[in-house]
């Protein structure tokens, strides 16, 4: 059973809260690509794509696509005022030199220490690493948006990742359909719950210990 569109948008909306005016933002494919729909009009940011765009705009209206203008996932996009193109080596140079303020990525697993495993399930066909390794290492803030459990019901937040790592100790915030966690020097802390979920449900579906913030924010449905 897949997640409903509303749950995906609820997670994207919470991720959008992490974005501040003037940031350079890189979005992964999947749920992160919904984030721009939830930004307020007052917030002006530049969306960066690894294939060579700075200033990516929303999806074009059907029939208005430019066959030469797509995002890193290959989907058609537009360009905002002030946006520019470059080749992918320049786009990766921007990432590696710390020019990206925030990246919002999906993941297969995240460990309690903030290790990220999001690029391959061994034995499965994979399109490639993409920008994940560089982004995880070099973006100033790394937000993971993912289901709390995989399709078999196994927790995706774990003591130690069992899948190959993209990068170690890089994740700052995890957003799932159940809760929001921050990863700090002292470990994993649950800071927010999505209604109608309660703490015991989250504990039962999380594969490691975590601390609970003294002030839990409840996010209404």
N, C-alpha and C. Protein backbone atom coordinates (compact mmCIF):
# COMPACT_ATOMS: atom_id res chain seq x y z
N UNK A 1 0.85 -1.20 0.00
CA UNK A 1 0.00 0.00 0.00
C UNK A 1 0.88 1.25 0.00
N UNK A 2 0.71 2.12 -0.98
CA UNK A 2 1.52 3.33 -1.07
C UNK A 2 0.96 4.42 -0.17
N UNK A 3 1.76 5.41 0.06
CA UNK A 3 1.30 6.54 0.88
C UNK A 3 0.37 7.41 0.07
N UNK A 4 -0.62 7.96 0.72
CA UNK A 4 -1.52 8.89 0.04
C UNK A 4 -0.79 10.18 -0.30
N UNK A 5 -1.32 10.87 -1.29
CA UNK A 5 -0.73 12.15 -1.70
C UNK A 5 -0.70 13.12 -0.53
N UNK A 6 -1.74 13.09 0.30
CA UNK A 6 -1.80 14.03 1.42
C UNK A 6 -0.65 13.83 2.40
N UNK A 7 -0.29 12.57 2.66
CA UNK A 7 0.80 12.29 3.59
C UNK A 7 2.11 12.76 2.99
N UNK A 8 2.29 12.51 1.69
CA UNK A 8 3.51 12.97 1.01
C UNK A 8 3.62 14.49 1.09
N UNK A 9 2.50 15.17 0.87
CA UNK A 9 2.51 16.63 0.93
C UNK A 9 2.69 17.15 2.36
N UNK A 10 2.16 16.41 3.33
CA UNK A 10 2.33 16.79 4.73
C UNK A 10 3.82 16.79 5.09
N UNK A 11 4.54 15.76 4.62
CA UNK A 11 5.97 15.66 4.88
C UNK A 11 6.74 16.77 4.13
N UNK A 12 6.34 17.00 2.88
CA UNK A 12 6.99 18.06 2.08
C UNK A 12 6.76 19.43 2.69
N UNK A 13 5.56 19.64 3.22
CA UNK A 13 5.23 20.93 3.84
C UNK A 13 6.10 21.17 5.07
N UNK A 14 6.30 20.12 5.86
CA UNK A 14 7.16 20.27 7.05
C UNK A 14 8.62 20.52 6.63
N UNK A 15 9.06 19.85 5.58
CA UNK A 15 10.43 20.06 5.09
C UNK A 15 10.60 21.50 4.60
N UNK A 16 9.56 22.06 4.00
CA UNK A 16 9.62 23.44 3.49
C UNK A 16 9.88 24.44 4.61
N UNK A 17 9.47 24.10 5.83
CA UNK A 17 9.70 25.01 6.97
C UNK A 17 11.19 25.22 7.25
N UNK A 18 12.02 24.29 6.79
CA UNK A 18 13.46 24.39 7.04
C UNK A 18 14.13 25.42 6.13
N UNK A 19 13.42 25.83 5.08
CA UNK A 19 14.01 26.72 4.07
C UNK A 19 13.79 28.17 4.43
N UNK A 20 14.86 28.95 4.39
CA UNK A 20 14.78 30.38 4.69
C UNK A 20 15.08 31.21 3.45
N UNK A 21 14.64 32.46 3.51
CA UNK A 21 14.81 33.37 2.39
C UNK A 21 16.27 33.46 1.96
N UNK A 22 16.50 33.46 0.64
CA UNK A 22 17.84 33.67 0.11
C UNK A 22 18.71 32.43 0.02
N UNK A 23 18.19 31.28 0.44
CA UNK A 23 19.01 30.06 0.43
C UNK A 23 19.20 29.51 -0.99
N UNK A 24 20.28 28.75 -1.15
CA UNK A 24 20.46 27.89 -2.32
C UNK A 24 20.05 26.49 -1.86
N UNK A 25 19.08 25.89 -2.58
CA UNK A 25 18.42 24.67 -2.13
C UNK A 25 18.53 23.59 -3.20
N UNK A 26 18.90 22.37 -2.77
CA UNK A 26 18.92 21.24 -3.69
C UNK A 26 17.91 20.21 -3.21
N UNK A 27 17.07 19.75 -4.14
CA UNK A 27 16.01 18.79 -3.79
C UNK A 27 16.25 17.45 -4.48
N UNK A 28 16.11 16.37 -3.72
CA UNK A 28 16.16 15.04 -4.30
C UNK A 28 14.87 14.73 -5.04
N UNK A 29 14.83 13.53 -5.65
CA UNK A 29 13.62 13.13 -6.37
C UNK A 29 12.63 12.52 -5.38
N UNK A 30 11.37 12.40 -5.81
CA UNK A 30 10.34 11.85 -4.93
C UNK A 30 9.69 12.94 -4.09
N UNK A 31 9.44 12.67 -2.82
CA UNK A 31 8.75 13.62 -1.93
C UNK A 31 9.45 14.99 -1.90
N UNK A 32 10.81 15.05 -1.87
CA UNK A 32 11.44 16.38 -1.84
C UNK A 32 11.04 17.28 -3.01
N UNK A 33 10.71 16.68 -4.15
CA UNK A 33 10.34 17.51 -5.32
C UNK A 33 9.01 18.23 -5.11
N UNK A 34 8.24 17.84 -4.07
CA UNK A 34 6.97 18.51 -3.77
C UNK A 34 7.17 19.76 -2.90
N UNK A 35 8.37 19.91 -2.34
CA UNK A 35 8.63 21.00 -1.38
C UNK A 35 8.32 22.40 -1.93
N UNK A 36 8.71 22.71 -3.20
CA UNK A 36 8.45 24.08 -3.68
C UNK A 36 6.98 24.48 -3.65
N UNK A 37 6.07 23.51 -3.74
CA UNK A 37 4.62 23.80 -3.70
C UNK A 37 4.19 24.35 -2.34
N UNK A 38 5.04 24.20 -1.33
CA UNK A 38 4.66 24.57 0.04
C UNK A 38 5.43 25.78 0.58
N UNK A 39 6.20 26.42 -0.29
CA UNK A 39 6.94 27.61 0.16
C UNK A 39 6.04 28.84 0.07
N UNK A 40 6.12 29.71 1.07
CA UNK A 40 5.31 30.93 1.01
C UNK A 40 5.88 31.86 -0.06
N UNK A 41 5.01 32.74 -0.56
CA UNK A 41 5.41 33.68 -1.62
C UNK A 41 6.53 34.60 -1.16
N UNK A 42 6.63 34.80 0.16
CA UNK A 42 7.63 35.73 0.68
C UNK A 42 9.05 35.15 0.61
N UNK A 43 9.13 33.83 0.49
CA UNK A 43 10.45 33.19 0.52
C UNK A 43 10.97 33.02 -0.89
N UNK A 44 12.06 33.71 -1.19
CA UNK A 44 12.69 33.61 -2.51
C UNK A 44 13.99 32.82 -2.35
N UNK A 45 14.08 31.71 -3.07
CA UNK A 45 15.29 30.89 -3.00
C UNK A 45 15.72 30.52 -4.41
N UNK A 46 16.94 30.04 -4.54
CA UNK A 46 17.44 29.52 -5.81
C UNK A 46 17.53 28.00 -5.69
N UNK A 47 16.78 27.29 -6.53
CA UNK A 47 16.85 25.83 -6.53
C UNK A 47 17.96 25.39 -7.47
N UNK A 48 18.81 24.50 -6.95
CA UNK A 48 20.01 24.03 -7.65
C UNK A 48 19.77 22.59 -8.10
N UNK A 49 20.19 22.27 -9.33
CA UNK A 49 20.12 20.88 -9.81
C UNK A 49 21.50 20.45 -10.29
N UNK A 50 21.86 19.21 -9.95
CA UNK A 50 23.20 18.70 -10.26
C UNK A 50 23.53 18.69 -11.74
N UNK A 51 22.49 18.58 -12.57
CA UNK A 51 22.77 18.51 -14.00
C UNK A 51 23.11 19.88 -14.59
N UNK A 52 23.00 20.96 -13.79
CA UNK A 52 23.51 22.23 -14.25
C UNK A 52 22.52 23.38 -14.31
N UNK A 53 21.66 23.48 -13.28
CA UNK A 53 20.73 24.61 -13.22
C UNK A 53 20.85 25.29 -11.86
N UNK A 54 20.88 26.59 -11.86
CA UNK A 54 20.75 27.36 -10.62
C UNK A 54 19.60 28.34 -10.85
N UNK A 55 18.51 28.14 -10.12
CA UNK A 55 17.33 28.97 -10.33
C UNK A 55 16.24 28.20 -11.07
N UNK A 56 16.03 26.96 -10.63
CA UNK A 56 15.02 26.10 -11.25
C UNK A 56 13.63 26.54 -10.82
N UNK A 57 12.71 26.63 -11.78
CA UNK A 57 11.33 27.02 -11.49
C UNK A 57 10.41 25.81 -11.44
N UNK A 58 9.10 26.06 -11.32
CA UNK A 58 8.14 24.95 -11.22
C UNK A 58 8.01 24.15 -12.51
N UNK A 59 7.29 23.05 -12.42
CA UNK A 59 7.03 22.24 -13.62
C UNK A 59 6.26 23.06 -14.64
N UNK A 60 6.59 22.91 -15.93
CA UNK A 60 5.88 23.69 -16.95
C UNK A 60 4.46 23.17 -17.16
N UNK A 61 3.60 24.03 -17.69
CA UNK A 61 2.26 23.61 -18.08
C UNK A 61 2.39 22.66 -19.27
N UNK A 62 1.52 21.66 -19.31
CA UNK A 62 1.61 20.65 -20.39
C UNK A 62 1.57 21.34 -21.75
N UNK A 63 2.52 20.99 -22.59
CA UNK A 63 2.61 21.61 -23.92
C UNK A 63 3.66 22.71 -23.96
N UNK A 64 4.09 23.20 -22.78
CA UNK A 64 5.08 24.28 -22.72
C UNK A 64 6.47 23.78 -22.32
N UNK A 65 6.67 22.45 -22.33
CA UNK A 65 7.95 21.91 -21.90
C UNK A 65 9.05 22.31 -22.90
N UNK A 66 10.24 22.51 -22.36
CA UNK A 66 11.43 22.71 -23.19
C UNK A 66 12.22 21.41 -23.14
N UNK A 67 12.41 20.78 -24.29
CA UNK A 67 13.05 19.45 -24.29
C UNK A 67 14.50 19.48 -23.77
N UNK A 68 15.09 20.67 -23.75
CA UNK A 68 16.47 20.79 -23.27
C UNK A 68 16.57 21.20 -21.81
N UNK A 69 15.42 21.36 -21.14
CA UNK A 69 15.45 21.87 -19.76
C UNK A 69 14.76 20.87 -18.83
N UNK A 70 15.57 20.13 -18.08
CA UNK A 70 15.01 19.15 -17.14
C UNK A 70 15.82 19.19 -15.85
N UNK A 71 15.25 18.57 -14.82
CA UNK A 71 15.96 18.49 -13.53
C UNK A 71 16.85 17.25 -13.51
N UNK A 72 17.48 17.00 -12.37
CA UNK A 72 18.42 15.87 -12.28
C UNK A 72 17.73 14.52 -12.44
N UNK A 73 16.41 14.49 -12.21
CA UNK A 73 15.66 13.25 -12.40
C UNK A 73 15.17 13.07 -13.83
N UNK A 74 15.43 14.06 -14.70
CA UNK A 74 15.02 13.97 -16.10
C UNK A 74 13.63 14.52 -16.38
N UNK A 75 13.00 15.15 -15.38
CA UNK A 75 11.66 15.69 -15.59
C UNK A 75 11.73 17.15 -16.04
N UNK A 76 10.79 17.58 -16.90
CA UNK A 76 10.84 18.97 -17.39
C UNK A 76 10.63 19.99 -16.28
N UNK A 77 11.39 21.08 -16.35
CA UNK A 77 11.26 22.17 -15.38
C UNK A 77 11.30 23.49 -16.13
N UNK A 78 11.17 24.59 -15.38
CA UNK A 78 11.30 25.92 -15.95
C UNK A 78 12.47 26.62 -15.26
N UNK A 79 12.77 27.81 -15.72
CA UNK A 79 13.84 28.61 -15.12
C UNK A 79 13.24 29.88 -14.54
N UNK A 80 13.66 30.26 -13.34
CA UNK A 80 13.15 31.50 -12.73
C UNK A 80 13.94 32.70 -13.25
N UNK A 81 13.44 33.91 -13.00
CA UNK A 81 14.19 35.12 -13.33
C UNK A 81 15.52 35.10 -12.59
N UNK A 82 16.59 35.38 -13.31
CA UNK A 82 17.91 35.37 -12.68
C UNK A 82 18.56 34.00 -12.65
N UNK A 83 17.84 33.00 -13.14
CA UNK A 83 18.39 31.64 -13.17
C UNK A 83 19.44 31.50 -14.26
N UNK A 84 20.26 30.46 -14.15
CA UNK A 84 21.29 30.24 -15.15
C UNK A 84 21.58 28.76 -15.33
N UNK A 85 22.21 28.45 -16.47
CA UNK A 85 22.64 27.08 -16.76
C UNK A 85 24.15 26.98 -16.63
N UNK A 86 24.62 25.77 -16.38
CA UNK A 86 26.05 25.51 -16.42
C UNK A 86 26.21 24.02 -16.72
N UNK A 87 27.45 23.57 -16.92
CA UNK A 87 27.59 22.13 -17.08
C UNK A 87 27.62 21.46 -15.70
N UNK A 88 27.54 20.12 -15.70
CA UNK A 88 27.39 19.45 -14.41
C UNK A 88 28.66 19.54 -13.56
N UNK A 89 29.82 19.72 -14.19
CA UNK A 89 31.04 19.85 -13.36
C UNK A 89 31.00 21.15 -12.54
N UNK A 90 30.45 22.21 -13.13
CA UNK A 90 30.29 23.47 -12.37
C UNK A 90 29.23 23.28 -11.28
N UNK A 91 28.14 22.58 -11.62
CA UNK A 91 27.08 22.33 -10.63
C UNK A 91 27.63 21.55 -9.44
N UNK A 92 28.49 20.56 -9.72
CA UNK A 92 29.10 19.80 -8.62
C UNK A 92 30.14 20.64 -7.89
N UNK A 93 30.81 21.54 -8.61
CA UNK A 93 31.74 22.47 -7.96
C UNK A 93 31.03 23.34 -6.94
N UNK A 94 29.80 23.75 -7.27
CA UNK A 94 29.00 24.55 -6.33
C UNK A 94 28.73 23.76 -5.05
N UNK A 95 28.41 22.47 -5.22
CA UNK A 95 28.12 21.63 -4.06
C UNK A 95 29.39 21.44 -3.22
N UNK A 96 30.46 21.05 -3.90
CA UNK A 96 31.70 20.68 -3.18
C UNK A 96 32.33 21.87 -2.48
N UNK A 97 32.08 23.06 -2.98
CA UNK A 97 32.67 24.24 -2.33
C UNK A 97 31.75 24.84 -1.28
N UNK A 98 30.67 24.12 -0.94
CA UNK A 98 29.82 24.54 0.18
C UNK A 98 28.83 25.64 -0.14
N UNK A 99 28.48 25.79 -1.44
CA UNK A 99 27.56 26.85 -1.83
C UNK A 99 26.08 26.48 -1.62
N UNK A 100 25.81 25.18 -1.39
CA UNK A 100 24.42 24.75 -1.20
C UNK A 100 24.08 24.83 0.29
N UNK A 101 23.05 25.61 0.62
CA UNK A 101 22.68 25.82 2.03
C UNK A 101 21.94 24.64 2.61
N UNK A 102 21.10 24.02 1.80
CA UNK A 102 20.27 22.94 2.34
C UNK A 102 19.97 21.94 1.23
N UNK A 103 20.02 20.66 1.57
CA UNK A 103 19.56 19.64 0.64
C UNK A 103 18.50 18.80 1.32
N UNK A 104 17.46 18.47 0.58
CA UNK A 104 16.35 17.66 1.10
C UNK A 104 16.31 16.40 0.26
N UNK A 105 16.56 15.26 0.91
CA UNK A 105 16.77 14.00 0.21
C UNK A 105 15.85 12.91 0.74
N UNK A 106 15.59 11.93 -0.10
CA UNK A 106 14.96 10.70 0.38
C UNK A 106 16.05 9.78 0.90
N UNK A 107 15.66 8.69 1.57
CA UNK A 107 16.66 7.73 2.03
C UNK A 107 16.07 6.35 2.22
N UNK A 108 16.95 5.35 2.17
CA UNK A 108 16.56 3.96 2.44
C UNK A 108 16.71 3.66 3.93
N UNK A 109 17.78 4.20 4.53
CA UNK A 109 18.02 4.06 5.97
C UNK A 109 18.77 5.28 6.48
N UNK A 110 18.53 5.62 7.75
CA UNK A 110 19.35 6.61 8.45
C UNK A 110 19.68 6.01 9.82
N UNK A 111 20.95 6.13 10.24
CA UNK A 111 21.32 5.61 11.56
C UNK A 111 21.11 6.68 12.63
N UNK A 112 21.15 6.22 13.88
CA UNK A 112 20.96 7.15 15.00
C UNK A 112 22.07 8.21 15.07
N UNK A 113 23.20 7.94 14.41
CA UNK A 113 24.30 8.91 14.38
C UNK A 113 24.23 9.84 13.18
N UNK A 114 23.22 9.66 12.33
CA UNK A 114 23.10 10.51 11.15
C UNK A 114 23.78 9.98 9.91
N UNK A 115 24.16 8.69 9.94
CA UNK A 115 24.70 8.07 8.72
C UNK A 115 23.55 7.93 7.71
N UNK A 116 23.87 8.17 6.44
CA UNK A 116 22.87 8.14 5.36
C UNK A 116 23.16 6.98 4.42
N UNK A 117 22.15 6.16 4.16
CA UNK A 117 22.25 5.10 3.14
C UNK A 117 21.07 5.30 2.20
N UNK A 118 21.34 5.91 1.04
CA UNK A 118 20.20 6.22 0.17
C UNK A 118 20.48 5.98 -1.30
N UNK A 119 21.57 5.26 -1.63
CA UNK A 119 21.86 5.20 -3.06
C UNK A 119 21.70 3.83 -3.68
N UNK A 120 21.82 2.74 -2.93
CA UNK A 120 21.71 1.43 -3.57
C UNK A 120 21.22 0.36 -2.60
N UNK A 121 20.36 -0.53 -3.13
CA UNK A 121 20.06 -1.79 -2.47
C UNK A 121 20.85 -2.84 -3.24
N UNK A 122 21.81 -3.52 -2.60
CA UNK A 122 22.66 -4.46 -3.35
C UNK A 122 21.83 -5.47 -4.15
N UNK A 123 22.24 -5.66 -5.40
CA UNK A 123 21.54 -6.60 -6.28
C UNK A 123 20.40 -6.00 -7.07
N UNK A 124 19.99 -4.78 -6.72
CA UNK A 124 18.91 -4.11 -7.46
C UNK A 124 19.51 -3.17 -8.50
N UNK A 125 18.74 -2.96 -9.56
CA UNK A 125 19.18 -2.03 -10.60
C UNK A 125 19.17 -0.61 -10.02
N UNK A 126 20.19 0.16 -10.33
CA UNK A 126 20.29 1.51 -9.75
C UNK A 126 20.72 2.49 -10.84
N UNK A 127 20.10 3.68 -10.88
CA UNK A 127 20.49 4.65 -11.91
C UNK A 127 21.86 5.28 -11.67
N UNK A 128 22.37 5.18 -10.45
CA UNK A 128 23.68 5.77 -10.16
C UNK A 128 23.65 6.57 -8.87
N UNK A 129 24.81 6.97 -8.42
CA UNK A 129 24.94 7.73 -7.18
C UNK A 129 24.33 9.12 -7.29
N UNK A 130 24.40 9.72 -8.49
CA UNK A 130 23.92 11.09 -8.65
C UNK A 130 24.73 12.03 -7.77
N UNK A 131 24.07 13.02 -7.20
CA UNK A 131 24.78 13.99 -6.37
C UNK A 131 24.74 13.68 -4.89
N UNK A 132 24.17 12.52 -4.53
CA UNK A 132 23.88 12.26 -3.12
C UNK A 132 25.11 12.32 -2.23
N UNK A 133 26.22 11.75 -2.67
CA UNK A 133 27.40 11.69 -1.82
C UNK A 133 27.96 13.09 -1.54
N UNK A 134 28.07 13.88 -2.61
CA UNK A 134 28.57 15.25 -2.44
C UNK A 134 27.62 16.10 -1.59
N UNK A 135 26.33 15.99 -1.90
CA UNK A 135 25.34 16.80 -1.17
C UNK A 135 25.34 16.45 0.31
N UNK A 136 25.38 15.15 0.61
CA UNK A 136 25.36 14.72 2.01
C UNK A 136 26.57 15.24 2.77
N UNK A 137 27.72 15.29 2.09
CA UNK A 137 28.95 15.74 2.74
C UNK A 137 29.04 17.26 2.87
N UNK A 138 28.58 17.97 1.84
CA UNK A 138 28.94 19.37 1.70
C UNK A 138 27.82 20.38 1.89
N UNK A 139 26.56 19.96 1.77
CA UNK A 139 25.47 20.93 2.02
C UNK A 139 25.53 21.34 3.49
N UNK A 140 25.18 22.59 3.76
CA UNK A 140 25.29 23.09 5.15
C UNK A 140 24.27 22.41 6.07
N UNK A 141 23.12 21.99 5.49
CA UNK A 141 22.11 21.28 6.30
C UNK A 141 21.52 20.17 5.44
N UNK A 142 21.39 18.98 6.03
CA UNK A 142 20.88 17.82 5.31
C UNK A 142 19.59 17.35 5.97
N UNK A 143 18.49 17.43 5.22
CA UNK A 143 17.18 17.00 5.71
C UNK A 143 16.80 15.72 4.96
N UNK A 144 16.40 14.70 5.69
CA UNK A 144 15.91 13.46 5.05
C UNK A 144 14.40 13.38 5.23
N UNK A 145 13.72 13.13 4.12
CA UNK A 145 12.26 12.93 4.14
C UNK A 145 12.01 11.51 3.65
N UNK A 146 11.43 10.68 4.48
CA UNK A 146 11.24 9.27 4.09
C UNK A 146 10.12 8.62 4.90
N UNK A 147 9.64 7.47 4.41
CA UNK A 147 8.70 6.66 5.19
C UNK A 147 9.39 6.18 6.45
N UNK A 148 8.63 6.01 7.51
CA UNK A 148 9.22 5.56 8.77
C UNK A 148 9.71 4.11 8.67
N UNK A 149 8.97 3.30 7.90
CA UNK A 149 9.33 1.89 7.70
C UNK A 149 9.35 1.58 6.21
N UNK A 150 10.06 0.52 5.83
CA UNK A 150 10.06 0.12 4.43
C UNK A 150 8.80 -0.69 4.12
N UNK A 151 8.67 -1.15 2.86
CA UNK A 151 7.42 -1.82 2.47
C UNK A 151 7.21 -3.16 3.18
N UNK A 152 8.27 -3.69 3.79
CA UNK A 152 8.14 -4.93 4.57
C UNK A 152 7.86 -4.64 6.05
N UNK A 153 7.76 -3.34 6.40
CA UNK A 153 7.49 -2.98 7.79
C UNK A 153 8.72 -2.86 8.66
N UNK A 154 9.92 -2.95 8.04
CA UNK A 154 11.15 -2.82 8.83
C UNK A 154 11.49 -1.35 9.04
N UNK A 155 11.95 -0.99 10.24
CA UNK A 155 12.30 0.41 10.50
C UNK A 155 13.41 0.90 9.56
N UNK A 156 13.28 2.16 9.15
CA UNK A 156 14.33 2.77 8.31
C UNK A 156 15.26 3.66 9.14
N UNK A 157 14.85 3.94 10.40
CA UNK A 157 15.74 4.63 11.35
C UNK A 157 16.32 3.54 12.25
N UNK A 158 17.63 3.35 12.18
CA UNK A 158 18.26 2.15 12.76
C UNK A 158 19.49 2.50 13.60
N UNK A 159 19.92 1.52 14.40
CA UNK A 159 21.17 1.69 15.16
C UNK A 159 22.34 1.92 14.22
N UNK A 160 22.49 0.95 13.28
CA UNK A 160 23.54 1.04 12.27
C UNK A 160 22.95 0.67 10.93
N UNK A 161 23.31 1.40 9.90
CA UNK A 161 22.80 1.09 8.57
C UNK A 161 23.35 -0.26 8.10
N UNK A 162 22.48 -1.07 7.51
CA UNK A 162 22.92 -2.35 6.94
C UNK A 162 23.14 -2.22 5.43
N UNK A 163 22.63 -1.15 4.83
CA UNK A 163 22.85 -0.89 3.40
C UNK A 163 24.11 -0.05 3.23
N UNK A 164 24.71 -0.10 2.02
CA UNK A 164 25.94 0.69 1.80
C UNK A 164 25.71 2.18 2.06
N UNK A 165 26.64 2.80 2.79
CA UNK A 165 26.50 4.21 3.16
C UNK A 165 26.74 5.13 1.97
N UNK A 166 25.95 6.20 1.93
CA UNK A 166 26.23 7.31 1.03
C UNK A 166 27.26 8.21 1.68
N UNK A 167 27.04 8.49 2.98
CA UNK A 167 27.94 9.34 3.74
C UNK A 167 27.67 9.11 5.22
N UNK A 168 28.70 9.26 6.05
CA UNK A 168 28.49 9.05 7.49
C UNK A 168 28.27 10.39 8.21
N UNK A 169 27.53 10.33 9.29
CA UNK A 169 27.30 11.48 10.19
C UNK A 169 27.03 12.78 9.45
N UNK A 170 26.02 12.75 8.61
CA UNK A 170 25.74 13.94 7.80
C UNK A 170 24.32 14.48 7.97
N UNK A 171 23.39 13.64 8.43
CA UNK A 171 21.98 14.04 8.48
C UNK A 171 21.71 14.92 9.71
N UNK A 172 20.98 16.01 9.50
CA UNK A 172 20.62 16.92 10.60
C UNK A 172 19.19 16.70 11.11
N UNK A 173 18.27 16.46 10.17
CA UNK A 173 16.85 16.33 10.51
C UNK A 173 16.25 15.17 9.71
N UNK A 174 15.42 14.36 10.37
CA UNK A 174 14.66 13.30 9.68
C UNK A 174 13.17 13.63 9.81
N UNK A 175 12.47 13.62 8.69
CA UNK A 175 11.02 13.83 8.69
C UNK A 175 10.37 12.58 8.10
N UNK A 176 9.50 11.94 8.88
CA UNK A 176 8.72 10.80 8.36
C UNK A 176 7.23 11.15 8.45
N UNK A 177 6.39 10.21 8.06
CA UNK A 177 4.96 10.47 8.15
C UNK A 177 4.47 10.45 9.60
N UNK A 178 5.31 9.97 10.53
CA UNK A 178 4.93 9.89 11.94
C UNK A 178 5.49 11.02 12.79
N UNK A 179 6.75 11.41 12.50
CA UNK A 179 7.46 12.27 13.45
C UNK A 179 8.62 13.00 12.80
N UNK A 180 9.18 13.93 13.56
CA UNK A 180 10.38 14.67 13.16
C UNK A 180 11.45 14.44 14.23
N UNK A 181 12.65 14.10 13.77
CA UNK A 181 13.79 13.89 14.67
C UNK A 181 14.90 14.87 14.31
N UNK A 182 15.63 15.31 15.33
CA UNK A 182 16.87 16.06 15.09
C UNK A 182 18.03 15.18 15.52
N UNK A 183 19.12 15.27 14.80
CA UNK A 183 20.31 14.51 15.17
C UNK A 183 21.35 15.50 15.67
N UNK A 184 21.72 15.35 16.93
CA UNK A 184 22.62 16.29 17.57
C UNK A 184 23.87 15.54 18.05
N UNK A 185 24.78 16.29 18.65
CA UNK A 185 26.00 15.67 19.20
C UNK A 185 25.64 14.59 20.23
N UNK A 186 24.51 14.78 20.91
CA UNK A 186 24.15 13.82 21.97
C UNK A 186 23.20 12.73 21.46
N UNK A 187 22.99 12.67 20.16
CA UNK A 187 22.18 11.59 19.61
C UNK A 187 20.88 12.04 18.98
N UNK A 188 19.99 11.07 18.83
CA UNK A 188 18.72 11.26 18.13
C UNK A 188 17.65 11.77 19.09
N UNK A 189 16.98 12.85 18.71
CA UNK A 189 15.95 13.43 19.58
C UNK A 189 14.65 13.59 18.79
N UNK A 190 13.56 13.04 19.32
CA UNK A 190 12.25 13.25 18.72
C UNK A 190 11.73 14.62 19.16
N UNK A 191 11.41 15.48 18.20
CA UNK A 191 10.99 16.84 18.55
C UNK A 191 9.54 17.13 18.18
N UNK A 192 8.99 16.36 17.23
CA UNK A 192 7.63 16.65 16.75
C UNK A 192 6.90 15.36 16.42
N UNK A 193 5.59 15.40 16.58
CA UNK A 193 4.72 14.28 16.19
C UNK A 193 3.65 14.79 15.23
N UNK A 194 3.39 14.01 14.19
CA UNK A 194 2.27 14.32 13.29
C UNK A 194 1.00 13.71 13.88
N UNK A 195 -0.07 14.50 13.96
CA UNK A 195 -1.35 13.94 14.39
C UNK A 195 -1.76 12.89 13.36
N UNK A 196 -2.42 11.82 13.78
CA UNK A 196 -2.89 11.49 15.13
C UNK A 196 -1.92 10.59 15.89
N UNK A 197 -0.66 10.50 15.46
CA UNK A 197 0.26 9.50 16.03
C UNK A 197 0.75 9.88 17.42
N UNK A 198 0.92 8.85 18.23
CA UNK A 198 1.41 9.04 19.60
C UNK A 198 2.81 8.43 19.72
N UNK A 199 3.46 8.76 20.81
CA UNK A 199 4.85 8.36 21.03
C UNK A 199 5.05 6.84 20.97
N UNK A 200 4.11 6.08 21.54
CA UNK A 200 4.30 4.62 21.60
C UNK A 200 4.35 4.01 20.20
N UNK A 201 3.57 4.56 19.26
CA UNK A 201 3.59 4.07 17.88
C UNK A 201 4.97 4.29 17.27
N UNK A 202 5.51 5.49 17.49
CA UNK A 202 6.83 5.83 16.92
C UNK A 202 7.90 4.92 17.53
N UNK A 203 7.82 4.71 18.84
CA UNK A 203 8.81 3.85 19.51
C UNK A 203 8.77 2.43 18.92
N UNK A 204 7.58 1.95 18.65
CA UNK A 204 7.43 0.59 18.12
C UNK A 204 7.95 0.43 16.69
N UNK A 205 8.05 1.53 15.97
CA UNK A 205 8.46 1.45 14.56
C UNK A 205 9.86 2.01 14.31
N UNK A 206 10.56 2.36 15.38
CA UNK A 206 11.90 2.93 15.23
C UNK A 206 12.92 1.89 15.70
N UNK A 207 13.95 1.68 14.89
CA UNK A 207 14.89 0.58 15.14
C UNK A 207 16.06 0.95 16.04
N UNK A 208 15.92 1.99 16.84
CA UNK A 208 16.98 2.37 17.78
C UNK A 208 16.37 3.19 18.91
N UNK A 209 17.18 3.41 19.92
CA UNK A 209 16.76 4.27 21.04
C UNK A 209 16.79 5.73 20.58
N UNK A 210 15.94 6.54 21.18
CA UNK A 210 16.03 7.99 20.93
C UNK A 210 15.56 8.74 22.17
N UNK A 211 16.02 9.97 22.29
CA UNK A 211 15.56 10.82 23.38
C UNK A 211 14.31 11.54 22.91
N UNK A 212 13.55 12.06 23.87
CA UNK A 212 12.33 12.80 23.54
C UNK A 212 12.49 14.23 24.05
N UNK A 213 12.22 15.18 23.18
CA UNK A 213 12.32 16.59 23.55
C UNK A 213 11.35 16.91 24.69
N UNK A 214 11.74 17.83 25.55
CA UNK A 214 10.85 18.22 26.66
C UNK A 214 9.59 18.89 26.12
N UNK A 215 9.75 19.60 25.01
CA UNK A 215 8.58 20.25 24.39
C UNK A 215 8.34 19.61 23.02
N UNK A 216 7.40 18.67 22.97
CA UNK A 216 7.09 18.05 21.67
C UNK A 216 6.06 18.91 20.96
N UNK A 217 6.35 19.25 19.72
CA UNK A 217 5.37 19.97 18.90
C UNK A 217 4.44 18.95 18.24
N UNK A 218 3.16 19.17 18.36
CA UNK A 218 2.19 18.31 17.66
C UNK A 218 1.74 19.02 16.40
N UNK A 219 1.97 18.38 15.25
CA UNK A 219 1.61 18.98 13.98
C UNK A 219 0.24 18.47 13.59
N UNK A 220 -0.77 19.34 13.47
CA UNK A 220 -2.11 18.88 13.15
C UNK A 220 -2.18 18.30 11.75
N UNK A 221 -3.15 17.38 11.56
CA UNK A 221 -3.28 16.75 10.24
C UNK A 221 -3.86 17.73 9.26
